[in-house]
Protein backbone atom coordinates (compact mmCIF):
# COMPACT_ATOMS: atom_id res chain seq x y z
CA MET A 1 0.00 0.00 0.00
CA GLU A 2 2.84 2.39 0.61
CA ASN A 3 4.07 4.23 -2.42
CA MET A 4 7.40 5.71 -1.40
CA THR A 5 9.04 8.37 -3.53
CA ASN A 6 12.72 9.16 -3.79
CA GLY A 7 12.43 11.76 -1.05
CA LYS A 8 15.38 12.43 1.20
CA HIS A 9 15.92 9.63 3.72
CA GLY A 10 12.70 8.02 2.49
CA LEU A 11 10.51 10.28 4.64
CA ILE A 12 8.25 11.55 1.84
CA GLN A 13 5.31 9.48 0.73
CA ASN A 14 2.06 9.82 -1.13
CA ALA A 15 -0.36 10.25 1.76
CA ALA A 16 -3.35 9.49 -0.45
CA ASP A 17 -2.09 5.92 -0.76
CA ASP A 18 -2.09 5.47 3.04
CA ALA A 19 -5.12 5.15 5.26
CA SER A 20 -5.61 7.99 7.73
CA LEU A 21 -4.49 6.88 11.22
CA ALA A 22 -3.53 3.59 9.62
CA GLU A 23 -3.02 1.79 12.93
CA VAL A 24 -6.75 2.07 13.79
CA ASN A 25 -8.37 2.65 10.37
CA GLY A 26 -11.15 0.12 9.74
CA THR A 27 -10.40 -1.82 12.92
CA ILE A 28 -13.97 -1.70 14.31
CA VAL A 29 -16.47 -3.86 12.39
CA PRO A 30 -20.13 -2.79 12.81
CA PRO A 31 -22.80 -5.53 12.71
CA LYS A 32 -24.40 -6.16 9.32
CA ASN A 33 -27.69 -7.05 10.96
CA GLY A 34 -29.28 -6.15 14.25
CA SER A 35 -31.47 -3.49 15.84
CA PHE A 36 -31.11 0.25 15.43
CA TRP A 37 -29.65 0.50 18.96
CA ARG A 38 -27.10 -2.22 18.39
CA LYS A 39 -25.84 -0.50 15.26
CA LEU A 40 -25.86 2.91 16.93
CA TRP A 41 -23.75 1.49 19.76
CA ALA A 42 -21.25 0.11 17.24
CA PHE A 43 -20.89 3.53 15.60
CA SER A 44 -20.85 5.47 18.89
CA GLY A 45 -17.46 6.75 19.97
CA PRO A 46 -15.96 9.04 17.32
CA GLY A 47 -18.60 11.63 18.19
CA ALA A 48 -17.40 11.63 21.80
CA LEU A 49 -13.81 12.34 20.74
CA VAL A 50 -15.08 15.17 18.55
CA ALA A 51 -17.30 16.54 21.35
CA VAL A 52 -14.25 16.77 23.63
CA GLY A 53 -12.95 19.67 21.56
CA TYR A 54 -16.19 21.54 22.20
CA MET A 55 -15.82 21.42 25.99
CA ASP A 56 -12.07 21.77 26.46
CA PRO A 57 -10.51 24.21 28.99
CA GLY A 58 -10.59 26.95 26.36
CA ASN A 59 -14.38 27.05 26.68
CA TRP A 60 -14.30 27.48 30.42
CA VAL A 61 -12.80 30.95 30.78
CA THR A 62 -14.67 32.42 27.79
CA SER A 63 -18.06 30.91 28.77
CA VAL A 64 -17.91 31.53 32.54
CA THR A 65 -16.51 35.04 32.04
CA GLY A 66 -19.12 35.70 29.33
CA GLY A 67 -21.90 34.77 31.77
CA ALA A 68 -20.38 36.74 34.64
CA THR A 69 -20.00 39.81 32.42
CA TYR A 70 -23.08 39.79 30.19
CA HIS A 71 -25.46 37.55 32.18
CA TYR A 72 -27.42 35.21 29.84
CA LEU A 73 -26.95 37.33 26.68
CA LEU A 74 -24.39 35.05 25.01
CA LEU A 75 -26.35 31.80 25.45
CA SER A 76 -27.67 32.45 21.93
CA ILE A 77 -24.06 32.32 20.67
CA VAL A 78 -23.54 28.97 22.42
CA LEU A 79 -26.67 27.63 20.68
CA ILE A 80 -25.76 28.99 17.23
CA SER A 81 -22.16 27.74 17.59
CA SER A 82 -23.41 24.26 18.49
CA LEU A 83 -25.73 24.12 15.48
CA ILE A 84 -22.89 25.24 13.21
CA ALA A 85 -20.67 22.58 14.80
CA MET A 86 -23.23 19.83 14.15
CA MET A 87 -23.46 20.79 10.49
CA LEU A 88 -19.70 21.04 9.94
CA GLN A 89 -18.90 17.83 11.82
CA TYR A 90 -21.52 15.95 9.80
CA MET A 91 -19.88 17.21 6.62
CA ALA A 92 -16.38 16.25 7.86
CA GLY A 93 -17.40 12.77 9.00
CA LYS A 94 -19.31 12.14 5.79
CA MET A 95 -16.38 13.20 3.62
CA GLY A 96 -14.03 10.86 5.47
CA MET A 97 -16.37 7.88 5.20
CA VAL A 98 -17.27 8.43 1.56
CA THR A 99 -13.86 9.35 0.10
CA GLY A 100 -11.54 7.42 2.42
CA GLU A 101 -9.49 10.61 2.85
CA ASP A 102 -9.29 12.83 5.89
CA LEU A 103 -9.64 16.61 5.42
CA ALA A 104 -5.87 17.19 5.54
CA GLN A 105 -5.19 14.55 2.86
CA ALA A 106 -8.08 15.73 0.68
CA THR A 107 -7.05 19.39 0.93
CA ARG A 108 -3.37 18.74 0.22
CA ASN A 109 -4.15 16.48 -2.74
CA ARG A 110 -6.27 19.20 -4.38
CA THR A 111 -4.12 22.28 -3.80
CA SER A 112 -0.75 23.44 -5.03
CA LYS A 113 2.34 22.73 -2.96
CA GLY A 114 2.51 26.35 -1.78
CA GLY A 115 -1.19 26.48 -0.98
CA GLY A 116 -0.98 23.21 0.92
CA ILE A 117 1.95 24.42 3.02
CA ALA A 118 0.17 27.73 3.79
CA LEU A 119 -2.93 25.89 4.94
CA TRP A 120 -0.79 23.51 7.00
CA ILE A 121 0.89 26.43 8.80
CA ILE A 122 -2.50 27.97 9.67
CA THR A 123 -3.85 24.59 10.78
CA GLU A 124 -0.75 23.83 12.84
CA LEU A 125 -1.05 27.22 14.56
CA ALA A 126 -4.72 26.51 15.28
CA LEU A 127 -3.77 23.14 16.76
CA MET A 128 -1.08 24.84 18.83
CA ALA A 129 -3.71 27.32 20.09
CA THR A 130 -5.92 24.37 21.05
CA ASP A 131 -3.06 22.61 22.79
CA ILE A 132 -2.19 25.80 24.68
CA ALA A 133 -5.65 25.71 26.25
CA GLU A 134 -5.21 22.04 27.19
CA VAL A 135 -1.77 22.62 28.73
CA ILE A 136 -2.93 25.66 30.70
CA GLY A 137 -6.11 23.97 31.90
CA GLY A 138 -4.35 20.76 32.93
CA ALA A 139 -1.45 22.61 34.59
CA ILE A 140 -3.70 24.91 36.61
CA ALA A 141 -5.84 21.92 37.68
CA LEU A 142 -2.70 20.15 38.96
CA HIS A 143 -1.59 23.34 40.69
CA LEU A 144 -4.97 23.78 42.41
CA LEU A 145 -5.37 20.14 43.43
CA PHE A 146 -1.84 19.34 44.57
CA GLY A 147 -0.24 22.73 45.23
CA TRP A 148 2.59 22.18 42.73
CA SER A 149 4.34 25.24 41.30
CA MET A 150 3.03 26.38 37.92
CA ILE A 151 6.24 25.56 36.04
CA VAL A 152 6.28 22.01 37.46
CA SER A 153 2.57 21.61 36.60
CA VAL A 154 3.13 22.88 33.04
CA LEU A 155 6.08 20.55 32.46
CA THR A 156 4.11 17.61 33.91
CA THR A 157 1.53 18.01 31.14
CA ALA A 158 4.28 17.09 28.67
CA PHE A 159 3.92 13.50 29.84
CA ASP A 160 0.27 13.40 28.79
CA VAL A 161 1.39 12.13 25.40
CA LEU A 162 2.55 8.90 27.06
CA LEU A 163 -1.04 8.27 28.10
CA LEU A 164 -2.22 8.16 24.51
CA LEU A 165 0.68 5.98 23.40
CA LEU A 166 -0.31 3.49 26.10
CA LEU A 167 -4.02 3.60 25.28
CA MET A 168 -3.43 3.02 21.56
CA ARG A 169 -2.01 -0.39 22.43
CA PHE A 170 -5.38 -1.46 23.86
CA GLY A 171 -7.47 -0.56 20.82
CA PHE A 172 -9.46 2.48 19.74
CA ARG A 173 -12.63 1.32 21.50
CA LYS A 174 -10.87 1.63 24.88
CA ILE A 175 -9.88 5.22 24.08
CA GLU A 176 -13.51 6.02 23.25
CA ALA A 177 -14.70 4.45 26.52
CA ILE A 178 -12.25 6.49 28.62
CA VAL A 179 -13.21 9.71 26.83
CA ILE A 180 -16.93 9.06 27.41
CA THR A 181 -16.25 8.39 31.11
CA LEU A 182 -14.40 11.71 31.46
CA ILE A 183 -17.18 13.57 29.61
CA THR A 184 -19.74 12.05 31.99
CA THR A 185 -17.66 13.24 34.96
CA ILE A 186 -17.61 16.82 33.60
CA LEU A 187 -21.36 16.71 32.85
CA PHE A 188 -22.39 15.64 36.37
CA VAL A 189 -20.01 18.07 38.11
CA PHE A 190 -21.45 21.05 36.27
CA LEU A 191 -25.02 19.82 36.51
CA TYR A 192 -24.57 19.73 40.28
CA LEU A 193 -22.99 23.21 40.34
CA VAL A 194 -25.73 24.72 38.16
CA ILE A 195 -28.52 23.20 40.28
CA LEU A 196 -26.94 24.71 43.38
CA SER A 197 -26.62 28.13 41.69
CA ARG A 198 -30.42 28.31 41.09
CA PRO A 199 -30.44 30.18 37.75
CA ASP A 200 -33.28 32.44 36.66
CA ILE A 201 -35.11 30.00 34.34
CA SER A 202 -37.05 32.61 32.31
CA ALA A 203 -33.96 34.79 31.80
CA MET A 204 -31.94 31.69 30.93
CA PHE A 205 -34.30 30.56 28.15
CA GLY A 206 -34.59 34.16 26.97
CA GLY A 207 -30.83 34.17 26.54
CA TYR A 208 -31.10 31.61 23.74
CA LEU A 209 -32.90 34.18 21.56
CA PRO A 210 -30.31 35.91 19.31
CA LYS A 211 -29.74 39.63 19.91
CA LEU A 212 -27.65 42.14 17.94
CA GLN A 213 -26.07 43.26 21.21
CA SER A 214 -24.03 40.02 21.22
CA VAL A 215 -21.89 41.33 18.33
CA SER A 216 -21.47 44.87 19.67
CA THR A 217 -17.95 46.28 19.70
CA HIS A 218 -18.58 48.25 22.89
CA GLY A 219 -18.02 46.47 26.19
CA ILE A 220 -18.84 47.48 29.71
CA THR A 221 -16.15 49.27 31.72
CA GLY A 222 -13.02 47.18 32.00
CA ALA A 223 -14.48 44.30 29.99
CA ASP A 224 -13.96 42.95 26.52
CA SER A 225 -16.72 43.84 24.07
CA PRO A 226 -19.49 41.31 23.40
CA LEU A 227 -17.92 40.78 19.96
CA VAL A 228 -14.64 39.60 21.49
CA MET A 229 -16.56 37.31 23.85
CA THR A 230 -18.75 36.08 20.98
CA LEU A 231 -15.77 35.19 18.80
CA GLY A 232 -14.04 33.67 21.80
CA ILE A 233 -17.05 31.40 22.37
CA ILE A 234 -17.25 30.53 18.66
CA GLY A 235 -13.51 29.86 18.60
CA ALA A 236 -13.75 27.72 21.73
CA THR A 237 -16.84 25.89 20.45
CA VAL A 238 -16.42 25.41 16.71
CA MET A 239 -12.88 24.02 16.59
CA PRO A 240 -11.11 23.86 13.20
CA HIS A 241 -8.92 20.93 14.28
CA ASN A 242 -12.06 18.88 15.00
CA LEU A 243 -12.97 18.90 11.32
CA TYR A 244 -9.68 17.16 10.52
CA LEU A 245 -10.11 14.78 13.46
CA HIS A 246 -13.65 13.68 12.60
CA SER A 247 -12.88 13.10 8.93
CA SER A 248 -10.22 10.64 10.09
CA ILE A 249 -11.69 8.79 13.07
CA ALA A 250 -15.00 8.26 11.23
CA GLN A 251 -12.94 5.80 9.20
CA THR A 252 -12.21 3.61 12.24
CA ARG A 253 -15.45 1.80 11.36
CA LYS A 254 -14.93 -0.77 8.61
CA VAL A 255 -17.27 0.09 5.74
CA ASN A 256 -17.51 -1.33 2.23
CA ARG A 257 -17.56 1.81 0.07
CA GLU A 258 -18.52 -0.21 -3.00
CA ASN A 259 -21.83 -1.08 -1.33
CA LYS A 260 -23.78 2.20 -1.57
CA GLU A 261 -26.56 1.10 0.79
CA GLU A 262 -24.09 0.04 3.47
CA LEU A 263 -22.23 3.33 3.05
CA LYS A 264 -25.45 5.37 3.33
CA GLU A 265 -26.40 3.53 6.51
CA SER A 266 -22.93 4.09 7.96
CA VAL A 267 -23.11 7.82 7.23
CA ARG A 268 -26.52 7.95 8.88
CA PHE A 269 -25.27 6.32 12.09
CA MET A 270 -22.17 8.52 12.05
CA ALA A 271 -24.52 11.53 12.03
CA TRP A 272 -26.54 10.14 14.95
CA ASP A 273 -23.39 9.58 16.98
CA SER A 274 -22.00 13.02 16.20
CA ASN A 275 -25.22 14.92 16.92
CA ILE A 276 -25.92 13.09 20.19
CA GLN A 277 -22.44 13.77 21.54
CA LEU A 278 -22.42 17.38 20.35
CA SER A 279 -25.78 17.87 22.08
CA VAL A 280 -24.08 16.80 25.33
CA ALA A 281 -21.30 19.31 24.59
CA PHE A 282 -23.95 22.00 24.02
CA VAL A 283 -25.51 21.24 27.41
CA ILE A 284 -22.11 21.44 29.16
CA ASN A 285 -21.17 24.70 27.41
CA SER A 286 -24.56 26.15 28.32
CA MET A 287 -24.05 25.14 31.94
CA LEU A 288 -20.64 26.86 31.99
CA LEU A 289 -22.19 30.15 30.90
CA ILE A 290 -25.27 29.68 33.12
CA LEU A 291 -22.99 29.05 36.10
CA GLY A 292 -21.14 32.30 35.35
CA ALA A 293 -24.40 34.22 35.00
CA ALA A 294 -26.24 32.72 38.00
CA MET A 295 -23.40 32.57 40.51
CA PHE A 296 -20.86 35.18 39.42
CA PHE A 297 -22.78 37.95 37.60
CA GLY A 298 -21.51 41.25 38.94
CA HIS A 299 -18.25 39.62 39.99
CA ALA A 300 -16.64 39.24 36.55
CA ASP A 301 -13.33 40.62 37.83
CA SER A 302 -13.26 37.85 40.44
CA VAL A 303 -13.65 34.91 38.01
CA GLY A 304 -11.39 35.91 35.12
CA THR A 305 -8.97 33.02 35.71
CA PHE A 306 -9.25 29.35 36.63
CA GLY A 307 -7.68 30.06 40.01
CA GLN A 308 -10.18 32.84 40.67
CA MET A 309 -13.08 30.55 39.73
CA TYR A 310 -11.70 27.89 42.06
CA ASN A 311 -11.41 30.38 44.91
CA ALA A 312 -14.79 31.99 44.18
CA LEU A 313 -16.60 28.67 44.59
CA GLY A 314 -15.30 28.55 48.15
CA ASP A 315 -15.93 32.24 48.91
CA LYS A 316 -19.33 33.02 50.48
CA THR A 317 -19.06 36.71 49.56
CA ILE A 318 -19.10 35.72 45.86
CA ALA A 319 -20.81 32.31 45.57
CA GLY A 320 -23.16 32.91 48.50
CA ALA A 321 -24.29 30.35 51.05
CA ILE A 322 -23.52 27.37 48.80
CA ALA A 323 -19.77 28.16 48.70
CA SER A 324 -17.59 25.35 50.00
CA PRO A 325 -14.15 23.77 49.44
CA ILE A 326 -15.93 20.71 48.05
CA LEU A 327 -17.31 22.75 45.13
CA SER A 328 -13.84 24.13 44.45
CA THR A 329 -12.36 20.63 44.41
CA LEU A 330 -15.08 19.33 42.08
CA PHE A 331 -14.35 22.23 39.72
CA ALA A 332 -10.63 21.37 39.66
CA VAL A 333 -11.36 17.66 39.07
CA ALA A 334 -13.62 18.51 36.12
CA LEU A 335 -10.93 20.85 34.76
CA LEU A 336 -8.32 18.10 34.96
CA ALA A 337 -10.71 15.65 33.23
CA SER A 338 -11.29 18.18 30.47
CA GLY A 339 -7.56 18.74 29.96
CA GLN A 340 -6.83 15.01 29.81
CA ASN A 341 -9.64 14.43 27.33
CA SER A 342 -8.41 17.20 25.07
CA THR A 343 -4.87 15.81 25.22
CA ILE A 344 -6.05 12.56 23.62
CA THR A 345 -7.85 14.24 20.72
CA GLY A 346 -5.24 16.98 20.26
CA THR A 347 -2.37 14.56 19.80
CA LEU A 348 -4.40 12.42 17.40
CA THR A 349 -5.17 15.50 15.32
CA GLY A 350 -1.50 16.48 15.26
CA GLU A 351 -0.70 13.16 13.65
CA ILE A 352 -3.51 13.54 11.08
CA ILE A 353 -2.45 17.07 10.09
CA MET A 354 1.27 16.32 9.79
CA ALA A 355 0.76 13.15 7.76
CA GLY A 356 -1.97 14.63 5.57
CA PHE A 357 -0.45 18.01 4.71
CA LEU A 358 3.27 17.24 4.73
CA HIS A 359 3.22 13.58 3.67
CA LEU A 360 5.72 12.95 6.44
CA ARG A 361 6.23 9.41 7.62
CA VAL A 362 7.75 9.61 11.09
CA PRO A 363 7.26 7.42 14.17
CA MET A 364 3.96 7.89 15.98
CA TRP A 365 5.59 8.82 19.29
CA LEU A 366 7.74 11.49 17.62
CA ARG A 367 4.73 13.15 15.96
CA ARG A 368 2.98 13.36 19.32
CA VAL A 369 6.04 14.70 21.12
CA ILE A 370 6.40 17.40 18.44
CA THR A 371 2.72 18.41 18.75
CA ARG A 372 2.84 18.79 22.52
CA GLY A 373 6.31 20.35 22.42
CA LEU A 374 5.12 23.13 20.10
CA ALA A 375 2.29 23.99 22.50
CA LEU A 376 4.55 23.93 25.55
CA ILE A 377 6.93 26.58 24.18
CA PRO A 378 4.64 29.65 24.57
CA VAL A 379 3.13 28.38 27.85
CA VAL A 380 6.55 27.74 29.43
CA ALA A 381 7.75 31.12 28.15
CA PHE A 382 4.76 32.94 29.69
CA THR A 383 5.15 30.97 32.94
CA LEU A 384 8.83 31.89 33.27
CA ILE A 385 8.46 35.52 32.17
CA TYR A 386 5.48 36.28 34.42
CA GLY A 387 6.43 33.96 37.29
CA GLY A 388 3.46 31.65 36.82
CA ALA A 389 0.89 34.44 37.11
CA GLU A 390 -2.44 32.83 36.30
CA ASP A 391 -3.99 35.99 34.87
CA LYS A 392 -1.31 36.13 32.17
CA LEU A 393 -1.77 32.45 31.33
CA ASP A 394 -5.54 32.85 31.17
CA GLN A 395 -5.14 35.90 28.95
CA LEU A 396 -3.01 33.76 26.62
CA LEU A 397 -5.75 31.12 26.71
CA VAL A 398 -8.57 33.55 25.81
CA TYR A 399 -6.68 35.00 22.86
CA SER A 400 -5.79 31.49 21.68
CA GLN A 401 -9.54 30.86 21.41
CA VAL A 402 -10.05 34.07 19.43
CA PHE A 403 -7.29 32.92 17.05
CA LEU A 404 -9.17 29.63 16.55
CA SER A 405 -12.18 31.61 15.39
CA VAL A 406 -9.95 33.49 12.91
CA ALA A 407 -8.46 30.19 11.67
CA LEU A 408 -11.83 28.43 11.32
CA PRO A 409 -12.74 29.77 7.82
CA PHE A 410 -9.49 28.30 6.41
CA ALA A 411 -10.71 24.83 7.38
CA MET A 412 -14.34 25.52 6.50
CA ALA A 413 -13.78 26.66 2.91
CA PRO A 414 -12.05 23.48 1.66
CA LEU A 415 -14.56 21.30 3.53
CA ILE A 416 -17.61 23.06 2.06
CA TRP A 417 -16.13 23.06 -1.43
CA MET A 418 -15.24 19.37 -1.38
CA THR A 419 -18.41 18.04 0.22
CA SER A 420 -20.54 20.03 -2.26
CA SER A 421 -18.61 18.63 -5.24
CA LYS A 422 -20.26 15.74 -7.10
CA LYS A 423 -16.90 14.89 -8.62
CA ILE A 424 -15.37 14.28 -5.18
CA MET A 425 -18.36 12.95 -3.22
CA GLY A 426 -20.39 11.32 -5.99
CA LYS A 427 -23.99 12.09 -6.91
CA GLU A 428 -25.43 10.04 -4.03
CA PHE A 429 -23.37 11.60 -1.24
CA VAL A 430 -22.89 15.24 -2.17
CA ILE A 431 -24.39 17.52 0.49
CA SER A 432 -27.74 19.16 -0.31
CA LYS A 433 -28.05 22.59 -1.87
CA TRP A 434 -29.67 24.06 1.26
CA MET A 435 -26.82 22.83 3.44
CA THR A 436 -24.26 24.18 0.98
CA THR A 437 -25.99 27.58 1.00
CA ILE A 438 -26.14 27.75 4.80
CA ALA A 439 -22.52 26.63 5.11
CA TRP A 440 -21.28 29.36 2.77
CA LEU A 441 -23.42 31.98 4.56
CA VAL A 442 -21.91 30.92 7.90
CA PHE A 443 -18.46 31.15 6.31
CA LEU A 444 -19.14 34.70 5.09
CA VAL A 445 -20.60 35.88 8.41
CA LEU A 446 -17.71 34.45 10.45
CA THR A 447 -15.18 35.97 8.06
CA ALA A 448 -16.87 39.38 8.34
CA LEU A 449 -16.92 39.19 12.14
CA ASN A 450 -13.26 38.18 12.18
CA ILE A 451 -12.30 41.15 10.00
CA GLN A 452 -14.23 43.41 12.38
CA LEU A 453 -12.37 41.86 15.34
CA VAL A 454 -8.97 42.39 13.69
CA ILE A 455 -9.85 46.04 13.00
CA GLN A 456 -10.92 46.47 16.63
CA ILE A 457 -7.71 44.91 18.01
CA VAL A 458 -5.48 46.92 15.63
CA GLY A 459 -7.37 50.08 16.65
CA LYS A 460 -6.60 49.39 20.32
CA LEU A 461 -2.93 48.86 19.57
CA LEU A 462 -2.72 52.11 17.64
């Protein structure tokens, strides 16, 4: 299957000839017969790994701070972001199953060498921004739980890659099971916290109605504008690296692409899995913002960092009568679970991107060390320069999420173009005209908002 070229040291290959994540591609065989639930169970798993990216530590600061600053206003952005995510992830998973290529392979094989390298650089930076959030979240959780210094906690996260290397030896189904367990932990922790916070139900549901105020460029005193918060939530919710991930791990299910009916059924169950798991992610992201609005509204300056959130949950002057050290500990445990989950998916995506865009054939462990190493550089630098100050690390985290929003259109455009092409997808599997239209409209709106954000940031600097 490998078609090696005469590249230097034999490291260059034609990635299109290799299966994406070859070590797990097609290793899970769904039942040919059986009930709807049995088949859904067989296809369940990739959606959970995708959903992890929609509830990683990057969401926490932006969502909780958004609620604490603007009450329930930005819940509509969480809802819209989740609907956009469901559409894009369906398109990514479908493309992977139908073509047998992940998004990185498909993009590189249909662009010039220069264009492919440019897109790889943007994608690699987006992945680094994602990994920055995971490193910061995991390090701060370790610091809060065990009292380790920030630099020790940050460096400890470097060993997360060993976890994935170990898990891969036990099969992809085991990875999916662990991820689902960690997601369940996060869900129940925040459900408990939100119930205790007693949110205003009518105001909460009213927050899901879109309002123009959510894209205003004018913030309250000392706060980022709603536009910055909106793009931060979109960047933390709709993750560009997840499109590459889903297009690859959807192929872990063994499907006969020559059998059109079997392929259609597989795509349908992939969509069920994805939408169910992303609905869970939507609930968790909503609870993050609701917690900020119900418990911390009016105290935005006191919950701007993970450490401040941790302390606020134990401070009766901020969290009220329900404040206790137990709540603070639960928060830190959920944060650590989120960071570990994101580590698994982030390192997998690093492998997909490097192999797909650069056609590099290097050992699996080396690819994962490189991915985490690139993310550690800015975090270690900030930790050393600012002495482990959490506010500086959290500021780095928030702006990493804004960068993800800026990088998203560069992953969206190739995905929309390819999934709407009959030549690439075939007449039976090309996405519908209405979905194509909506996808391009979303692309244009996000691009316009990003341009507005860049103008606003440049204006502040000048």
